[in-house]
Each structure stands twice: as C-alpha cells, then as structure tokens.
C-alpha cells in the first residue's frame, strides 16, 4: 500500500481500524510537532488531542509509529497504546 498523508490517511485509518496504515516520515513529524503527545515511546506516540470517543466512551487518538525506515498510523485508545508498547518492550 502507498504511504498516505492527510485526508486519504484519515479515511484509510477509519476504513481499516485494525490495520497499521503506511504513512510518510513527513506526516509522522508533522503530527508529532502539532501538539504535545498524549503518550509517547521511543518509536510511537498518540497525537495529543483525541479524534472522538469509542462506543465505551474512551477517547480515540491517532497513533503514529516508526517501524525501521517505515512509518505507520492507526487510531487507538490510550489503553490499546499502552498494551502494544508494553508488548514491544518485552519482545
């Protein structure tokens, strides 16, 4: 899949909620610098402002992650972010 930015990226993240969507390094840095992150690790962060709430009432954030030389994005809650970053720390 081609690396996406802006509206095509947001649309793909909504259409494929369980998939990491390829994005660009430019988009990764743009979103990292727009607001202080809600949460951050060495390779991933949640954008500081939630997009919406999920059906359980939890805020959903755009998550951006660097995987080697590739960049990906996915919408998730803080709880989901903590679960993936905890798993990565033990992998």
C-alpha atoms as a PDB file:
ATOM      1  CA  UNK A   1       0.000   0.000   0.000  1.00  0.00           C
ATOM      2  CA  UNK A   2       1.205   3.501  -0.837  1.00  0.00           C
ATOM      3  CA  UNK A   3       2.184   5.791   2.071  1.00  0.00           C
ATOM      4  CA  UNK A   4      -0.683   8.206   2.699  1.00  0.00           C
ATOM      5  CA  UNK A   5      -0.994  11.686   4.175  1.00  0.00           C
ATOM      6  CA  UNK A   6      -3.848  13.884   5.405  1.00  0.00           C
ATOM      7  CA  UNK A   7      -7.404  13.055   4.249  1.00  0.00           C
ATOM      8  CA  UNK A   8      -6.524   9.814   2.441  1.00  0.00           C
ATOM      9  CA  UNK A   9      -4.675   8.680   5.595  1.00  0.00           C
ATOM     10  CA  UNK A  10      -7.553   9.583   7.949  1.00  0.00           C
ATOM     11  CA  UNK A  11     -10.029   7.857   5.627  1.00  0.00           C
ATOM     12  CA  UNK A  12      -7.905   4.689   5.466  1.00  0.00           C
ATOM     13  CA  UNK A  13      -7.482   4.651   9.262  1.00  0.00           C
ATOM     14  CA  UNK A  14     -11.275   4.763   9.678  1.00  0.00           C
ATOM     15  CA  UNK A  15     -11.934   2.197   6.924  1.00  0.00           C
ATOM     16  CA  UNK A  16      -9.356  -0.309   8.241  1.00  0.00           C
ATOM     17  CA  UNK A  17      -9.405   0.195  12.048  1.00  0.00           C
ATOM     18  CA  UNK A  18      -7.394  -2.960  12.797  1.00  0.00           C
ATOM     19  CA  UNK A  19      -4.586  -2.261  10.324  1.00  0.00           C
ATOM     20  CA  UNK A  20      -1.457  -0.140  10.522  1.00  0.00           C
ATOM     21  CA  UNK A  21      -1.723   2.227   7.543  1.00  0.00           C
ATOM     22  CA  UNK A  22       1.525   3.269   5.815  1.00  0.00           C
ATOM     23  CA  UNK A  23       2.266   6.984   6.056  1.00  0.00           C
ATOM     24  CA  UNK A  24       5.238   9.226   5.387  1.00  0.00           C
ATOM     25  CA  UNK A  25       8.072  10.428   7.575  1.00  0.00           C
ATOM     26  CA  UNK A  26       6.818  13.961   6.880  1.00  0.00           C
ATOM     27  CA  UNK A  27       3.359  13.111   8.259  1.00  0.00           C
ATOM     28  CA  UNK A  28       4.887  11.384  11.312  1.00  0.00           C
ATOM     29  CA  UNK A  29       6.895  14.504  12.226  1.00  0.00           C
ATOM     30  CA  UNK A  30       4.080  16.901  11.342  1.00  0.00           C
ATOM     31  CA  UNK A  31       1.743  15.138  13.779  1.00  0.00           C
ATOM     32  CA  UNK A  32       4.406  14.778  16.470  1.00  0.00           C
ATOM     33  CA  UNK A  33       5.065  18.520  16.408  1.00  0.00           C
ATOM     34  CA  UNK A  34       1.443  19.750  16.189  1.00  0.00           C
ATOM     35  CA  UNK A  35       0.635  19.152  19.898  1.00  0.00           C
ATOM     36  CA  UNK A  36       2.423  17.578  22.834  1.00  0.00           C
ATOM     37  CA  UNK A  37       1.755  13.818  22.570  1.00  0.00           C
ATOM     38  CA  UNK A  38      -0.833  12.223  24.872  1.00  0.00           C
ATOM     39  CA  UNK A  39       1.595   9.311  25.277  1.00  0.00           C
ATOM     40  CA  UNK A  40       4.940   8.508  23.690  1.00  0.00           C
ATOM     41  CA  UNK A  41       7.610   5.832  23.487  1.00  0.00           C
ATOM     42  CA  UNK A  42      10.848   5.870  21.515  1.00  0.00           C
ATOM     43  CA  UNK A  43       9.079   4.810  18.307  1.00  0.00           C
ATOM     44  CA  UNK A  44       5.386   5.647  18.725  1.00  0.00           C
ATOM     45  CA  UNK A  45       3.081   8.355  20.028  1.00  0.00           C
ATOM     46  CA  UNK A  46      -0.564   9.311  20.363  1.00  0.00           C
ATOM     47  CA  UNK A  47      -1.451  12.748  18.997  1.00  0.00           C
ATOM     48  CA  UNK A  48      -2.295  14.977  21.973  1.00  0.00           C
ATOM     49  CA  UNK A  49      -5.946  15.604  21.149  1.00  0.00           C
ATOM     50  CA  UNK A  50      -8.483  12.780  20.716  1.00  0.00           C
ATOM     51  CA  UNK A  51     -10.351  12.374  17.435  1.00  0.00           C
ATOM     52  CA  UNK A  52     -13.529  11.092  19.066  1.00  0.00           C
ATOM     53  CA  UNK A  53     -14.727   8.664  21.722  1.00  0.00           C
ATOM     54  CA  UNK A  54     -15.369   4.984  21.104  1.00  0.00           C
ATOM     55  CA  UNK A  55     -18.597   3.139  21.945  1.00  0.00           C
ATOM     56  CA  UNK A  56     -17.350   2.610  25.509  1.00  0.00           C
ATOM     57  CA  UNK A  57     -16.719   6.332  25.999  1.00  0.00           C
ATOM     58  CA  UNK A  58     -12.909   6.151  25.830  1.00  0.00           C
ATOM     59  CA  UNK A  59     -11.033   8.789  23.798  1.00  0.00           C
ATOM     60  CA  UNK A  60      -9.605   7.554  20.494  1.00  0.00           C
ATOM     61  CA  UNK A  61      -6.346   9.098  19.281  1.00  0.00           C
ATOM     62  CA  UNK A  62      -4.324   8.936  16.084  1.00  0.00           C
ATOM     63  CA  UNK A  63      -1.252   6.820  16.779  1.00  0.00           C
ATOM     64  CA  UNK A  64       1.889   7.144  14.680  1.00  0.00           C
ATOM     65  CA  UNK A  65       4.667   4.578  14.788  1.00  0.00           C
ATOM     66  CA  UNK A  66       8.102   4.273  13.211  1.00  0.00           C
ATOM     67  CA  UNK A  67       8.964   0.705  12.177  1.00  0.00           C
ATOM     68  CA  UNK A  68      12.542   0.707  10.938  1.00  0.00           C
ATOM     69  CA  UNK A  69      12.540   3.103   7.981  1.00  0.00           C
ATOM     70  CA  UNK A  70       8.771   2.913   7.556  1.00  0.00           C
ATOM     71  CA  UNK A  71       6.032   4.938   9.199  1.00  0.00           C
ATOM     72  CA  UNK A  72       2.507   3.791  10.016  1.00  0.00           C
ATOM     73  CA  UNK A  73      -0.641   5.155  11.649  1.00  0.00           C
ATOM     74  CA  UNK A  74      -3.683   3.698  13.358  1.00  0.00           C
ATOM     75  CA  UNK A  75      -6.474   5.006  15.604  1.00  0.00           C
ATOM     76  CA  UNK A  76      -6.473   3.655  19.157  1.00  0.00           C
ATOM     77  CA  UNK A  77      -7.242   4.347  22.791  1.00  0.00           C
ATOM     78  CA  UNK A  78      -4.625   5.059  25.441  1.00  0.00           C
ATOM     79  CA  UNK A  79      -5.246   1.574  26.873  1.00  0.00           C
ATOM     80  CA  UNK A  80      -4.540  -0.017  23.467  1.00  0.00           C
ATOM     81  CA  UNK A  81      -1.399   2.101  23.083  1.00  0.00           C
ATOM     82  CA  UNK A  82      -0.103   1.014  26.493  1.00  0.00           C
ATOM     83  CA  UNK A  83      -0.788  -2.637  25.623  1.00  0.00           C
ATOM     84  CA  UNK A  84       1.184  -2.530  22.342  1.00  0.00           C
ATOM     85  CA  UNK A  85       4.060  -0.558  23.831  1.00  0.00           C
ATOM     86  CA  UNK A  86       4.266  -2.910  26.842  1.00  0.00           C
ATOM     87  CA  UNK A  87       4.366  -5.908  24.481  1.00  0.00           C
ATOM     88  CA  UNK A  88       7.109  -4.303  22.379  1.00  0.00           C
ATOM     89  CA  UNK A  89       9.208  -3.627  25.461  1.00  0.00           C
ATOM     90  CA  UNK A  90       9.275  -7.367  26.220  1.00  0.00           C
ATOM     91  CA  UNK A  91       9.719  -8.548  22.597  1.00  0.00           C
END
